[in-house]
């Protein structure tokens, strides 16, 4: 990373799971930890996953303060299928919780942002290739580009982002 920064005179970052990220902070210009897949390892409810996202938000805020760098938590997701407890309605409930928090909680850490994974179902992530059965259902749109109920959560753009 230092080589690329020196050769290009550009900012650099890389991604790693959050648990491993502390070791990288001195080499990057902003923090880009991956929190994707926190729904794996058991079938979790939107409430449980939302509380995990909040934990990551606050841990990322501490990391940001400690290293004086902004953070983009990446690959926030929730499946809409692959197991009986993961449905399009349950997926929408998760995204509604996360986006409502991001849009309205005045105590939310401002140096921490989120990116979501994925717009479309990654249909190539088949269980026959070793992926969790739910991996094929992570998009907010299906493989035919049709929006799932969760997509409606992303249509509500706060007025502060609209140009007048």
C-alpha atoms as a PDB file:
ATOM      1  CA  UNK A   1       0.000   0.000   0.000  1.00  0.00           C
ATOM      2  CA  UNK A   2       2.854   2.354   0.768  1.00  0.00           C
ATOM      3  CA  UNK A   3       4.315   1.635  -2.685  1.00  0.00           C
ATOM      4  CA  UNK A   4       0.993   2.439  -4.389  1.00  0.00           C
ATOM      5  CA  UNK A   5       0.509   5.601  -2.324  1.00  0.00           C
ATOM      6  CA  UNK A   6       4.014   6.845  -3.209  1.00  0.00           C
ATOM      7  CA  UNK A   7       3.785   5.905  -6.900  1.00  0.00           C
ATOM      8  CA  UNK A   8       0.323   7.386  -7.446  1.00  0.00           C
ATOM      9  CA  UNK A   9       0.150  10.154  -4.836  1.00  0.00           C
ATOM     10  CA  UNK A  10      -3.341   8.822  -4.066  1.00  0.00           C
ATOM     11  CA  UNK A  11      -5.047   7.714  -0.896  1.00  0.00           C
ATOM     12  CA  UNK A  12      -5.158   3.979  -0.300  1.00  0.00           C
ATOM     13  CA  UNK A  13      -7.167   1.514   1.714  1.00  0.00           C
ATOM     14  CA  UNK A  14      -7.909  -2.160   1.803  1.00  0.00           C
ATOM     15  CA  UNK A  15     -10.548  -4.332   3.323  1.00  0.00           C
ATOM     16  CA  UNK A  16     -10.429  -7.080   5.892  1.00  0.00           C
ATOM     17  CA  UNK A  17     -12.918  -8.485   8.370  1.00  0.00           C
ATOM     18  CA  UNK A  18     -13.430  -6.088  11.257  1.00  0.00           C
ATOM     19  CA  UNK A  19     -11.727  -8.393  13.768  1.00  0.00           C
ATOM     20  CA  UNK A  20      -8.513  -8.289  11.713  1.00  0.00           C
ATOM     21  CA  UNK A  21      -8.680  -4.638  10.738  1.00  0.00           C
ATOM     22  CA  UNK A  22      -6.862  -3.034  13.668  1.00  0.00           C
ATOM     23  CA  UNK A  23      -3.569  -4.334  12.305  1.00  0.00           C
ATOM     24  CA  UNK A  24      -4.028  -2.367   9.052  1.00  0.00           C
ATOM     25  CA  UNK A  25      -4.947   1.074  10.351  1.00  0.00           C
ATOM     26  CA  UNK A  26      -1.523   2.651  10.093  1.00  0.00           C
ATOM     27  CA  UNK A  27      -1.208   1.884   6.377  1.00  0.00           C
ATOM     28  CA  UNK A  28      -4.560   3.160   5.120  1.00  0.00           C
ATOM     29  CA  UNK A  29      -6.070   6.608   4.662  1.00  0.00           C
ATOM     30  CA  UNK A  30      -9.568   5.532   5.635  1.00  0.00           C
ATOM     31  CA  UNK A  31     -10.904   2.432   7.320  1.00  0.00           C
ATOM     32  CA  UNK A  32     -12.866  -0.037   5.189  1.00  0.00           C
ATOM     33  CA  UNK A  33     -13.716  -3.056   7.374  1.00  0.00           C
ATOM     34  CA  UNK A  34     -15.973  -5.819   6.065  1.00  0.00           C
ATOM     35  CA  UNK A  35     -18.891  -6.761   8.318  1.00  0.00           C
ATOM     36  CA  UNK A  36     -20.682  -8.837   5.682  1.00  0.00           C
ATOM     37  CA  UNK A  37     -22.034 -12.233   6.551  1.00  0.00           C
ATOM     38  CA  UNK A  38     -22.774 -11.487  10.193  1.00  0.00           C
ATOM     39  CA  UNK A  39     -26.040 -13.356   9.591  1.00  0.00           C
ATOM     40  CA  UNK A  40     -24.121 -16.627   9.021  1.00  0.00           C
ATOM     41  CA  UNK A  41     -23.659 -19.271  11.680  1.00  0.00           C
ATOM     42  CA  UNK A  42     -27.244 -19.706  12.730  1.00  0.00           C
ATOM     43  CA  UNK A  43     -30.503 -18.190  11.730  1.00  0.00           C
ATOM     44  CA  UNK A  44     -30.741 -14.711  13.150  1.00  0.00           C
ATOM     45  CA  UNK A  45     -33.610 -12.280  13.372  1.00  0.00           C
ATOM     46  CA  UNK A  46     -33.547  -8.700  12.066  1.00  0.00           C
ATOM     47  CA  UNK A  47     -33.459  -7.501  15.700  1.00  0.00           C
ATOM     48  CA  UNK A  48     -30.342  -9.535  16.480  1.00  0.00           C
ATOM     49  CA  UNK A  49     -28.579  -8.492  13.279  1.00  0.00           C
ATOM     50  CA  UNK A  50     -29.492  -4.845  13.761  1.00  0.00           C
ATOM     51  CA  UNK A  51     -28.004  -4.928  17.260  1.00  0.00           C
ATOM     52  CA  UNK A  52     -24.819  -6.429  15.753  1.00  0.00           C
ATOM     53  CA  UNK A  53     -24.676  -3.600  13.184  1.00  0.00           C
ATOM     54  CA  UNK A  54     -25.014  -1.088  16.030  1.00  0.00           C
ATOM     55  CA  UNK A  55     -22.132  -2.806  17.860  1.00  0.00           C
ATOM     56  CA  UNK A  56     -19.986  -2.493  14.738  1.00  0.00           C
ATOM     57  CA  UNK A  57     -21.015   1.166  14.361  1.00  0.00           C
ATOM     58  CA  UNK A  58     -19.792   1.961  17.862  1.00  0.00           C
ATOM     59  CA  UNK A  59     -16.625  -0.126  17.571  1.00  0.00           C
ATOM     60  CA  UNK A  60     -15.903   1.616  14.249  1.00  0.00           C
ATOM     61  CA  UNK A  61     -16.463   4.997  15.879  1.00  0.00           C
ATOM     62  CA  UNK A  62     -13.877   4.127  18.550  1.00  0.00           C
ATOM     63  CA  UNK A  63     -11.461   2.949  15.835  1.00  0.00           C
ATOM     64  CA  UNK A  64     -12.070   6.178  13.908  1.00  0.00           C
ATOM     65  CA  UNK A  65     -11.367   8.311  16.977  1.00  0.00           C
ATOM     66  CA  UNK A  66      -8.261   6.359  17.885  1.00  0.00           C
ATOM     67  CA  UNK A  67      -6.740   6.706  14.395  1.00  0.00           C
ATOM     68  CA  UNK A  68      -8.411   9.953  13.265  1.00  0.00           C
ATOM     69  CA  UNK A  69      -9.724   8.333  10.074  1.00  0.00           C
ATOM     70  CA  UNK A  70     -13.219   7.961   8.624  1.00  0.00           C
ATOM     71  CA  UNK A  71     -14.792   4.509   8.405  1.00  0.00           C
ATOM     72  CA  UNK A  72     -16.957   2.849   5.785  1.00  0.00           C
ATOM     73  CA  UNK A  73     -18.429  -0.388   7.139  1.00  0.00           C
ATOM     74  CA  UNK A  74     -18.897  -2.495   4.086  1.00  0.00           C
ATOM     75  CA  UNK A  75     -21.096  -5.352   2.897  1.00  0.00           C
ATOM     76  CA  UNK A  76     -24.017  -4.955   5.301  1.00  0.00           C
ATOM     77  CA  UNK A  77     -26.553  -7.557   4.156  1.00  0.00           C
ATOM     78  CA  UNK A  78     -29.445  -9.784   5.111  1.00  0.00           C
ATOM     79  CA  UNK A  79     -30.788 -12.709   3.034  1.00  0.00           C
ATOM     80  CA  UNK A  80     -34.338 -13.007   1.744  1.00  0.00           C
ATOM     81  CA  UNK A  81     -34.254 -16.762   1.245  1.00  0.00           C
ATOM     82  CA  UNK A  82     -32.249 -19.940   1.580  1.00  0.00           C
ATOM     83  CA  UNK A  83     -33.789 -20.831   4.921  1.00  0.00           C
ATOM     84  CA  UNK A  84     -37.360 -20.713   6.185  1.00  0.00           C
ATOM     85  CA  UNK A  85     -36.662 -17.820   8.579  1.00  0.00           C
ATOM     86  CA  UNK A  86     -35.171 -15.634   5.830  1.00  0.00           C
ATOM     87  CA  UNK A  87     -37.976 -14.127   3.773  1.00  0.00           C
ATOM     88  CA  UNK A  88     -38.343 -10.951   1.699  1.00  0.00           C
ATOM     89  CA  UNK A  89     -40.455  -9.438   4.508  1.00  0.00           C
ATOM     90  CA  UNK A  90     -37.830 -10.238   7.153  1.00  0.00           C
ATOM     91  CA  UNK A  91     -35.094  -8.824   4.897  1.00  0.00           C
ATOM     92  CA  UNK A  92     -37.113  -5.603   4.535  1.00  0.00           C
ATOM     93  CA  UNK A  93     -37.512  -5.404   8.323  1.00  0.00           C
ATOM     94  CA  UNK A  94     -33.726  -5.551   8.758  1.00  0.00           C
ATOM     95  CA  UNK A  95     -33.038  -2.826   6.183  1.00  0.00           C
ATOM     96  CA  UNK A  96     -35.801  -0.666   7.607  1.00  0.00           C
ATOM     97  CA  UNK A  97     -34.168  -0.808  11.046  1.00  0.00           C
ATOM     98  CA  UNK A  98     -30.689   0.008   9.716  1.00  0.00           C
ATOM     99  CA  UNK A  99     -31.796   2.822   7.414  1.00  0.00           C
ATOM    100  CA  UNK A 100     -34.107   4.382   9.987  1.00  0.00           C
ATOM    101  CA  UNK A 101     -31.200   4.472  12.421  1.00  0.00           C
ATOM    102  CA  UNK A 102     -28.863   5.989   9.827  1.00  0.00           C
ATOM    103  CA  UNK A 103     -31.392   8.633   8.828  1.00  0.00           C
ATOM    104  CA  UNK A 104     -32.734   9.685  12.175  1.00  0.00           C
ATOM    105  CA  UNK A 105     -30.563   8.873  15.183  1.00  0.00           C
ATOM    106  CA  UNK A 106     -28.852  12.107  16.178  1.00  0.00           C
ATOM    107  CA  UNK A 107     -26.344  10.197  18.308  1.00  0.00           C
ATOM    108  CA  UNK A 108     -25.165   8.088  15.373  1.00  0.00           C
ATOM    109  CA  UNK A 109     -21.404   8.336  14.836  1.00  0.00           C
ATOM    110  CA  UNK A 110     -20.922  10.778  11.946  1.00  0.00           C
ATOM    111  CA  UNK A 111     -17.513   9.501  10.852  1.00  0.00           C
ATOM    112  CA  UNK A 112     -18.937   6.032  10.242  1.00  0.00           C
ATOM    113  CA  UNK A 113     -20.892   5.180   7.082  1.00  0.00           C
ATOM    114  CA  UNK A 114     -22.312   1.957   5.680  1.00  0.00           C
ATOM    115  CA  UNK A 115     -22.315   0.292   2.293  1.00  0.00           C
ATOM    116  CA  UNK A 116     -24.756  -2.448   1.447  1.00  0.00           C
ATOM    117  CA  UNK A 117     -24.273  -5.729  -0.375  1.00  0.00           C
ATOM    118  CA  UNK A 118     -25.790  -6.321  -2.880  1.00  0.00           C
ATOM    119  CA  UNK A 119     -28.154  -4.699  -5.358  1.00  0.00           C
ATOM    120  CA  UNK A 120     -28.837  -8.036  -7.061  1.00  0.00           C
ATOM    121  CA  UNK A 121     -28.881 -11.649  -5.935  1.00  0.00           C
ATOM    122  CA  UNK A 122     -25.410 -13.131  -6.451  1.00  0.00           C
ATOM    123  CA  UNK A 123     -26.786 -16.250  -8.144  1.00  0.00           C
ATOM    124  CA  UNK A 124     -23.299 -17.611  -8.728  1.00  0.00           C
ATOM    125  CA  UNK A 125     -22.916 -18.162  -4.950  1.00  0.00           C
ATOM    126  CA  UNK A 126     -24.409 -21.648  -5.077  1.00  0.00           C
ATOM    127  CA  UNK A 127     -24.402 -24.067  -2.152  1.00  0.00           C
ATOM    128  CA  UNK A 128     -22.992 -26.667  -4.577  1.00  0.00           C
ATOM    129  CA  UNK A 129     -19.873 -24.456  -4.718  1.00  0.00           C
ATOM    130  CA  UNK A 130     -19.574 -24.356  -0.919  1.00  0.00           C
ATOM    131  CA  UNK A 131     -21.503 -21.167  -0.196  1.00  0.00           C
ATOM    132  CA  UNK A 132     -24.188 -20.902   2.471  1.00  0.00           C
ATOM    133  CA  UNK A 133     -27.616 -21.618   0.987  1.00  0.00           C
ATOM    134  CA  UNK A 134     -28.736 -18.075   1.778  1.00  0.00           C
ATOM    135  CA  UNK A 135     -25.882 -16.393  -0.138  1.00  0.00           C
ATOM    136  CA  UNK A 136     -27.895 -16.505  -3.370  1.00  0.00           C
ATOM    137  CA  UNK A 137     -30.581 -14.319  -1.769  1.00  0.00           C
ATOM    138  CA  UNK A 138     -28.629 -11.269  -0.563  1.00  0.00           C
ATOM    139  CA  UNK A 139     -29.723  -8.741  -3.169  1.00  0.00           C
ATOM    140  CA  UNK A 140     -32.422  -6.143  -2.700  1.00  0.00           C
ATOM    141  CA  UNK A 141     -33.450  -7.069  -6.238  1.00  0.00           C
ATOM    142  CA  UNK A 142     -33.744 -10.593  -7.576  1.00  0.00           C
ATOM    143  CA  UNK A 143     -31.692 -12.100 -10.400  1.00  0.00           C
ATOM    144  CA  UNK A 144     -34.249 -10.725 -12.907  1.00  0.00           C
ATOM    145  CA  UNK A 145     -33.708  -7.161 -11.637  1.00  0.00           C
ATOM    146  CA  UNK A 146     -37.120  -7.093  -9.966  1.00  0.00           C
ATOM    147  CA  UNK A 147     -37.087  -5.179  -6.656  1.00  0.00           C
ATOM    148  CA  UNK A 148     -37.796  -7.121  -3.487  1.00  0.00           C
ATOM    149  CA  UNK A 149     -39.779  -5.394  -0.697  1.00  0.00           C
ATOM    150  CA  UNK A 150     -36.469  -4.242   0.885  1.00  0.00           C
ATOM    151  CA  UNK A 151     -35.772  -2.059  -2.154  1.00  0.00           C
ATOM    152  CA  UNK A 152     -38.567   0.270  -1.060  1.00  0.00           C
ATOM    153  CA  UNK A 153     -36.464   1.222   1.983  1.00  0.00           C
ATOM    154  CA  UNK A 154     -33.830   2.732  -0.310  1.00  0.00           C
ATOM    155  CA  UNK A 155     -36.298   4.961  -2.150  1.00  0.00           C
ATOM    156  CA  UNK A 156     -36.766   7.228   0.842  1.00  0.00           C
ATOM    157  CA  UNK A 157     -34.069   9.819   0.228  1.00  0.00           C
ATOM    158  CA  UNK A 158     -33.629  12.341   3.042  1.00  0.00           C
ATOM    159  CA  UNK A 159     -34.303  15.928   1.950  1.00  0.00           C
ATOM    160  CA  UNK A 160     -30.798  17.041   2.971  1.00  0.00           C
ATOM    161  CA  UNK A 161     -29.427  15.004   0.050  1.00  0.00           C
ATOM    162  CA  UNK A 162     -31.794  16.404  -2.554  1.00  0.00           C
ATOM    163  CA  UNK A 163     -30.596  19.313  -4.647  1.00  0.00           C
ATOM    164  CA  UNK A 164     -32.936  22.257  -4.841  1.00  0.00           C
END
